[in-house]
Amino acid sequence: MFPRFLLALAASALLCGAAAPASHGVAIELLPEVVLDQPHIALADVAYVHAEQADSAALAHVDLGSVPRVGYVERFDRAQLETAIRQQTGMRAPALHWSGAAAVAVRTKTHPMLAQALVDAALAAVNAEFTRRHLHAEASVTTPPGDIELPAGDWQLRARSLHDTAVGARLPVWIDVLVDGTPYRSLVVPVAVIARAEVYVARHTMASGMRPVPADFDRVEQDIAGTAVPVLDAGELANTRLRHAVPAGQRLERAALVSTEAVLRGEHVRLTVQAGPIGIETDAVALADGMRGQQVSVRPLNSNETVVGRVVAAGTVSLE
């Protein structure tokens, strides 16, 4: 009869032998589905790994890539996982003993971002642009967006520049959503705009070519959203004249102003020709507008011939 302590040692040895995994094999139990709250997927996230300590640590860190976008599913079957294990650890398929699911479905845990954050970002961008342009404006979101779902991480909203955007009565504001500094998606937030600014309104009818002065206008606050009217200040009237007539009660646009050194279509100009030491002058009619330094077509008076000269001064075109 065996002593009791020998029987206990034998039983302990049998139990330990049954519990210990074979040193030459790795048991992997694949889960059917996981939902992750992190940016990357590791083998330890999708399976239980039973192996010696060194092998277990190496397998746990096998990288399976980034988590799928919100609303999508990434699937990995055993063959795909074996390929990743072999490439990253060098372990071969005969050493892997699989159990559990045939494939695992990976989804991303979502975090809601309230629509109000998008609204606030859009309105802040519009108001900042109005301040830069010295406009008094009222902005409101016409159709509020819905809440959106984002993956784990620090999110940030970035409104695209409105510097080159005309101030319309309806202004689309693009908002880029970033997660951990990486662009995730972009949305457009429609903003209704009332942009008030002081504009020049003619007190009386002003003829083409006339030099405007502030006394010719009333400063009136108007809603300029949806128009191409820029805001003028008194300093911009200096050294200018009107490209075309401005009726009484009409607001002045910057496009109506030209330099006093420009020539206007239909205007009588002095046409000069220099032939060596001899200079010739004659009267002509400008056939197009032209700024100083630009070429312009003119027709000498009492002639049907058209020539091209360069504007050199107010009312003067030089034939080259």
Protein backbone atom coordinates (compact mmCIF):
# COMPACT_ATOMS: atom_id res chain seq x y z
CA MET A 1 0.00 0.00 0.00
CA PHE A 2 1.35 3.41 -1.03
CA PRO A 3 1.95 6.03 1.62
CA ARG A 4 -0.61 8.85 1.51
CA PHE A 5 1.95 11.54 0.67
CA LEU A 6 3.06 9.56 -2.43
CA LEU A 7 -0.55 9.27 -3.59
CA ALA A 8 -0.99 13.04 -3.07
CA LEU A 9 2.15 13.81 -5.06
CA ALA A 10 1.01 11.52 -7.87
CA ALA A 11 -2.45 13.12 -7.97
CA SER A 12 -0.92 16.58 -8.00
CA ALA A 13 1.38 15.63 -10.85
CA LEU A 14 -1.57 14.27 -12.87
CA LEU A 15 -3.60 17.42 -12.29
CA CYS A 16 -0.74 19.70 -13.24
CA GLY A 17 -0.07 17.68 -16.34
CA ALA A 18 -3.71 17.95 -17.41
CA ALA A 19 -3.84 21.71 -16.83
CA ALA A 20 -0.58 22.64 -18.52
CA PRO A 21 -0.74 23.27 -22.26
CA ALA A 22 1.59 21.31 -24.49
CA SER A 23 4.81 23.25 -24.93
CA HIS A 24 4.67 22.69 -28.66
CA GLY A 25 1.08 23.90 -29.16
CA VAL A 26 -1.03 27.04 -28.79
CA ALA A 27 -4.76 26.96 -28.12
CA ILE A 28 -6.78 29.88 -29.57
CA GLU A 29 -10.47 30.27 -28.82
CA LEU A 30 -11.96 32.68 -31.35
CA LEU A 31 -14.84 34.89 -30.23
CA PRO A 32 -17.86 35.28 -32.54
CA GLU A 33 -18.20 39.06 -32.14
CA VAL A 34 -16.48 41.95 -30.36
CA VAL A 35 -17.19 45.67 -29.96
CA LEU A 36 -14.03 47.72 -29.42
CA ASP A 37 -13.56 51.13 -27.86
CA GLN A 38 -10.07 51.73 -29.25
CA PRO A 39 -8.41 52.62 -32.58
CA HIS A 40 -6.60 49.33 -33.35
CA ILE A 41 -7.35 45.60 -33.20
CA ALA A 42 -5.03 43.03 -31.60
CA LEU A 43 -5.41 39.25 -31.51
CA ALA A 44 -6.05 39.41 -27.77
CA ASP A 45 -9.13 41.53 -28.51
CA VAL A 46 -10.81 38.85 -30.63
CA ALA A 47 -9.66 35.56 -29.06
CA TYR A 48 -8.59 33.83 -25.86
CA VAL A 49 -5.00 32.63 -26.20
CA HIS A 50 -3.69 29.69 -24.12
CA ALA A 51 0.06 29.31 -24.50
CA GLU A 52 3.35 29.50 -22.69
CA GLN A 53 4.09 32.95 -21.31
CA ALA A 54 6.48 34.04 -24.08
CA ASP A 55 4.20 32.79 -26.86
CA SER A 56 1.13 34.25 -25.19
CA ALA A 57 2.68 37.73 -24.99
CA ALA A 58 3.76 37.63 -28.65
CA LEU A 59 0.35 36.42 -29.84
CA ALA A 60 -1.58 38.94 -27.76
CA HIS A 61 0.12 41.80 -29.63
CA VAL A 62 -0.46 40.49 -33.16
CA ASP A 63 -1.78 43.58 -34.97
CA LEU A 64 -4.93 43.13 -37.07
CA GLY A 65 -5.20 46.76 -38.22
CA SER A 66 -7.54 49.63 -37.47
CA VAL A 67 -11.07 49.24 -36.21
CA PRO A 68 -13.77 49.68 -38.88
CA ARG A 69 -15.61 52.95 -39.39
CA VAL A 70 -18.72 53.48 -37.34
CA GLY A 71 -21.58 51.44 -38.78
CA TYR A 72 -19.28 48.96 -40.58
CA VAL A 73 -18.14 45.43 -39.67
CA GLU A 74 -14.66 43.94 -40.14
CA ARG A 75 -14.54 40.12 -40.26
CA PHE A 76 -11.52 37.88 -39.66
CA ASP A 77 -11.62 34.13 -40.25
CA ARG A 78 -9.12 31.64 -38.94
CA ALA A 79 -7.11 31.59 -42.16
CA GLN A 80 -6.64 35.37 -42.06
CA LEU A 81 -5.59 35.23 -38.44
CA GLU A 82 -3.13 32.42 -39.10
CA THR A 83 -1.54 34.51 -41.86
CA ALA A 84 -1.16 37.49 -39.51
CA ILE A 85 0.28 35.27 -36.77
CA ARG A 86 2.78 33.67 -39.14
CA GLN A 87 3.92 37.02 -40.57
CA GLN A 88 4.34 38.71 -37.20
CA THR A 89 5.57 35.87 -34.95
CA GLY A 90 6.84 33.17 -37.27
CA MET A 91 4.52 30.52 -35.75
CA ARG A 92 3.20 27.95 -38.20
CA ALA A 93 -0.35 26.66 -38.49
CA PRO A 94 0.39 23.12 -37.12
CA ALA A 95 1.25 24.69 -33.77
CA LEU A 96 -2.14 26.47 -33.56
CA HIS A 97 -5.17 24.66 -32.15
CA TRP A 98 -8.39 26.51 -32.89
CA SER A 99 -11.72 26.43 -31.10
CA GLY A 100 -14.71 28.73 -30.81
CA ALA A 101 -16.10 30.63 -33.80
CA ALA A 102 -14.98 30.11 -37.39
CA ALA A 103 -14.75 33.90 -37.83
CA VAL A 104 -15.03 36.98 -35.65
CA ALA A 105 -17.02 40.14 -36.44
CA VAL A 106 -15.46 43.39 -35.18
CA ARG A 107 -17.49 46.53 -34.63
CA THR A 108 -16.56 49.92 -33.24
CA LYS A 109 -18.15 51.25 -30.10
CA THR A 110 -19.72 54.60 -30.83
CA HIS A 111 -19.98 57.83 -28.89
CA PRO A 112 -22.67 60.37 -29.79
CA MET A 113 -21.70 63.92 -30.69
CA LEU A 114 -24.62 66.28 -30.22
CA ALA A 115 -25.78 68.27 -33.23
CA GLN A 116 -25.56 71.46 -31.19
CA ALA A 117 -21.77 71.25 -31.36
CA LEU A 118 -21.97 71.40 -35.18
CA VAL A 119 -24.41 74.31 -35.03
CA ASP A 120 -22.15 76.22 -32.65
CA ALA A 121 -19.08 75.63 -34.84
CA ALA A 122 -20.88 76.83 -37.99
CA LEU A 123 -22.26 79.97 -36.35
CA ALA A 124 -18.90 80.79 -34.78
CA ALA A 125 -17.20 80.54 -38.19
CA VAL A 126 -19.79 82.80 -39.84
CA ASN A 127 -19.69 85.40 -37.07
CA ALA A 128 -15.89 85.45 -37.10
CA GLU A 129 -15.90 86.07 -40.85
CA PHE A 130 -18.46 88.86 -40.51
CA THR A 131 -16.31 90.49 -37.84
CA ARG A 132 -13.30 90.31 -40.16
CA ARG A 133 -15.32 92.02 -42.90
CA HIS A 134 -16.71 94.63 -40.49
CA LEU A 135 -20.30 93.53 -41.09
CA HIS A 136 -23.19 93.58 -38.64
CA ALA A 137 -24.78 90.21 -39.22
CA GLU A 138 -27.35 87.84 -37.87
CA ALA A 139 -26.84 84.14 -38.57
CA SER A 140 -29.06 81.17 -37.81
CA VAL A 141 -29.08 77.53 -38.85
CA THR A 142 -32.02 76.81 -41.14
CA THR A 143 -31.97 73.01 -41.01
CA PRO A 144 -30.20 71.72 -37.89
CA PRO A 145 -28.14 68.55 -38.48
CA GLY A 146 -28.74 65.40 -36.48
CA ASP A 147 -26.49 63.88 -33.85
CA ILE A 148 -23.64 61.82 -35.29
CA GLU A 149 -21.85 58.77 -33.93
CA LEU A 150 -18.07 58.88 -33.56
CA PRO A 151 -15.48 56.24 -32.68
CA ALA A 152 -13.41 56.43 -29.52
CA GLY A 153 -10.92 59.28 -29.31
CA ASP A 154 -10.72 63.03 -28.89
CA TRP A 155 -12.87 64.74 -31.48
CA GLN A 156 -12.49 68.24 -32.85
CA LEU A 157 -14.59 70.36 -35.22
CA ARG A 158 -12.90 72.57 -37.79
CA ALA A 159 -14.87 74.98 -39.99
CA ARG A 160 -13.47 75.57 -43.47
CA SER A 161 -12.40 79.08 -44.42
CA LEU A 162 -15.07 81.51 -45.60
CA HIS A 163 -12.59 84.17 -46.73
CA ASP A 164 -13.39 83.79 -50.43
CA THR A 165 -17.10 83.09 -49.96
CA ALA A 166 -19.67 85.65 -51.07
CA VAL A 167 -22.07 86.65 -48.33
CA GLY A 168 -25.26 84.97 -49.47
CA ALA A 169 -28.67 84.88 -47.87
CA ARG A 170 -28.02 81.13 -47.56
CA LEU A 171 -24.47 80.21 -46.67
CA PRO A 172 -23.27 76.57 -46.64
CA VAL A 173 -20.63 76.08 -43.95
CA TRP A 174 -18.48 72.95 -44.22
CA ILE A 175 -17.42 71.42 -40.91
CA ASP A 176 -14.65 68.82 -40.81
CA VAL A 177 -14.84 66.34 -37.93
CA LEU A 178 -11.47 65.05 -36.70
CA VAL A 179 -10.89 62.17 -34.29
CA ASP A 180 -7.48 62.13 -32.61
CA GLY A 181 -6.34 64.70 -35.18
CA THR A 182 -7.33 62.58 -38.19
CA PRO A 183 -10.16 63.68 -40.53
CA TYR A 184 -13.14 61.40 -39.97
CA ARG A 185 -16.01 62.95 -41.93
CA SER A 186 -17.28 66.29 -43.24
CA LEU A 187 -20.74 67.82 -43.02
CA VAL A 188 -22.35 70.95 -44.39
CA VAL A 189 -24.42 73.14 -42.08
CA PRO A 190 -26.78 75.55 -43.91
CA VAL A 191 -26.80 79.02 -42.34
CA ALA A 192 -29.32 81.80 -43.02
CA VAL A 193 -27.70 85.22 -43.09
CA ILE A 194 -28.83 88.79 -42.59
CA ALA A 195 -25.75 90.95 -43.18
CA ARG A 196 -26.24 94.63 -42.43
CA ALA A 197 -23.74 97.19 -43.61
CA GLU A 198 -23.65 100.90 -44.36
CA VAL A 199 -23.60 101.55 -48.08
CA TYR A 200 -23.44 104.67 -50.24
CA VAL A 201 -26.80 105.60 -51.83
CA ALA A 202 -26.77 108.34 -54.48
CA ARG A 203 -28.62 111.52 -53.48
CA HIS A 204 -29.00 112.54 -57.11
CA THR A 205 -28.36 111.11 -60.55
CA MET A 206 -24.65 111.06 -61.33
CA ALA A 207 -23.31 110.93 -64.89
CA SER A 208 -20.63 108.62 -66.26
CA GLY A 209 -17.15 110.02 -65.73
CA MET A 210 -18.18 112.19 -62.78
CA ARG A 211 -15.86 112.32 -59.79
CA PRO A 212 -17.83 111.19 -56.70
CA VAL A 213 -17.43 112.76 -53.26
CA PRO A 214 -19.04 111.70 -49.96
CA ALA A 215 -21.47 114.63 -50.14
CA ASP A 216 -23.09 112.99 -53.21
CA PHE A 217 -24.30 110.05 -51.11
CA ASP A 218 -26.27 109.11 -48.03
CA ARG A 219 -24.89 106.42 -45.75
CA VAL A 220 -27.70 103.88 -45.34
CA GLU A 221 -27.67 100.55 -43.49
CA GLN A 222 -28.96 97.75 -45.72
CA ASP A 223 -29.02 93.96 -45.80
CA ILE A 224 -26.36 93.06 -48.37
CA ALA A 225 -26.59 89.27 -47.99
CA GLY A 226 -27.06 87.64 -51.36
CA THR A 227 -25.65 90.61 -53.27
CA ALA A 228 -22.22 91.36 -54.64
CA VAL A 229 -22.14 94.82 -53.09
CA PRO A 230 -18.91 95.41 -51.16
CA VAL A 231 -18.71 97.84 -48.28
CA LEU A 232 -17.02 101.09 -49.27
CA ASP A 233 -15.49 103.73 -47.08
CA ALA A 234 -14.96 107.40 -47.82
CA GLY A 235 -11.26 106.93 -48.57
CA GLU A 236 -12.04 104.71 -51.55
CA LEU A 237 -13.80 107.55 -53.37
CA ALA A 238 -10.60 109.57 -53.64
CA ASN A 239 -9.04 109.76 -57.11
CA THR A 240 -11.91 107.88 -58.74
CA ARG A 241 -14.68 108.60 -61.19
CA LEU A 242 -17.77 106.73 -62.26
CA ARG A 243 -17.54 104.06 -64.90
CA HIS A 244 -21.24 104.47 -65.65
CA ALA A 245 -24.16 106.63 -64.55
CA VAL A 246 -25.62 106.05 -61.09
CA PRO A 247 -29.33 106.96 -60.72
CA ALA A 248 -30.63 108.72 -57.62
CA GLY A 249 -31.47 106.24 -54.84
CA GLN A 250 -29.14 103.52 -56.17
CA ARG A 251 -26.36 102.22 -53.97
CA LEU A 252 -22.81 102.57 -55.21
CA GLU A 253 -20.83 99.46 -56.03
CA ARG A 254 -17.07 99.29 -56.06
CA ALA A 255 -17.21 97.99 -59.64
CA ALA A 256 -18.66 101.37 -60.68
CA LEU A 257 -15.47 103.18 -59.67
CA VAL A 258 -12.38 103.55 -61.83
CA SER A 259 -9.18 105.50 -61.41
CA THR A 260 -9.13 109.10 -62.61
CA GLU A 261 -6.28 108.04 -64.92
CA ALA A 262 -8.43 105.47 -66.71
CA VAL A 263 -10.21 106.09 -70.01
CA LEU A 264 -13.80 105.01 -70.54
CA ARG A 265 -15.54 103.60 -73.57
CA GLY A 266 -17.06 106.38 -75.70
CA GLU A 267 -14.88 109.01 -74.08
CA HIS A 268 -12.96 111.56 -76.12
CA VAL A 269 -9.23 111.14 -75.59
CA ARG A 270 -6.04 112.70 -76.88
CA LEU A 271 -4.15 110.31 -79.18
CA THR A 272 -0.41 110.96 -79.35
CA VAL A 273 2.11 109.57 -81.83
CA GLN A 274 5.86 110.03 -81.46
CA ALA A 275 7.90 109.71 -84.64
CA GLY A 276 11.49 110.42 -83.63
CA PRO A 277 11.73 114.07 -82.58
CA ILE A 278 8.31 114.81 -84.02
CA GLY A 279 5.20 114.40 -81.90
CA ILE A 280 1.68 114.35 -83.35
CA GLU A 281 -1.56 114.73 -81.44
CA THR A 282 -5.14 114.20 -82.52
CA ASP A 283 -8.51 113.63 -80.95
CA ALA A 284 -10.00 110.12 -80.80
CA VAL A 285 -12.78 108.12 -79.19
CA ALA A 286 -12.00 105.23 -76.83
CA LEU A 287 -13.72 102.01 -77.92
CA ALA A 288 -13.22 100.26 -74.57
CA ASP A 289 -12.38 100.96 -70.96
CA GLY A 290 -8.69 100.96 -70.11
CA MET A 291 -6.61 101.52 -67.01
CA ARG A 292 -3.26 103.30 -67.09
CA GLY A 293 -0.69 101.02 -68.73
CA GLN A 294 -3.31 98.93 -70.54
CA GLN A 295 -3.82 98.76 -74.28
CA VAL A 296 -7.08 100.07 -75.65
CA SER A 297 -8.63 100.44 -79.08
CA VAL A 298 -9.41 104.00 -80.21
CA ARG A 299 -10.83 105.59 -83.36
CA PRO A 300 -9.47 108.97 -84.46
CA LEU A 301 -12.17 111.55 -85.08
CA ASN A 302 -13.27 111.91 -88.69
CA SER A 303 -11.83 108.46 -89.46
CA ASN A 304 -13.17 104.95 -89.73
CA GLU A 305 -9.79 103.43 -88.92
CA THR A 306 -9.25 101.73 -85.54
CA VAL A 307 -5.84 101.76 -83.88
CA VAL A 308 -4.50 100.32 -80.62
CA GLY A 309 -2.66 102.49 -78.12
CA ARG A 310 -1.66 102.43 -74.49
CA VAL A 311 -3.24 104.55 -71.77
CA VAL A 312 -0.49 106.81 -70.39
CA ALA A 313 -2.47 109.38 -68.40
CA ALA A 314 -5.98 110.61 -67.75
CA GLY A 315 -7.62 111.06 -71.17
CA THR A 316 -4.39 110.32 -73.06
CA VAL A 317 -3.56 107.31 -75.24
CA SER A 318 -0.18 106.86 -76.90
CA LEU A 319 0.12 105.01 -80.20
CA GLU A 320 3.04 102.61 -80.03
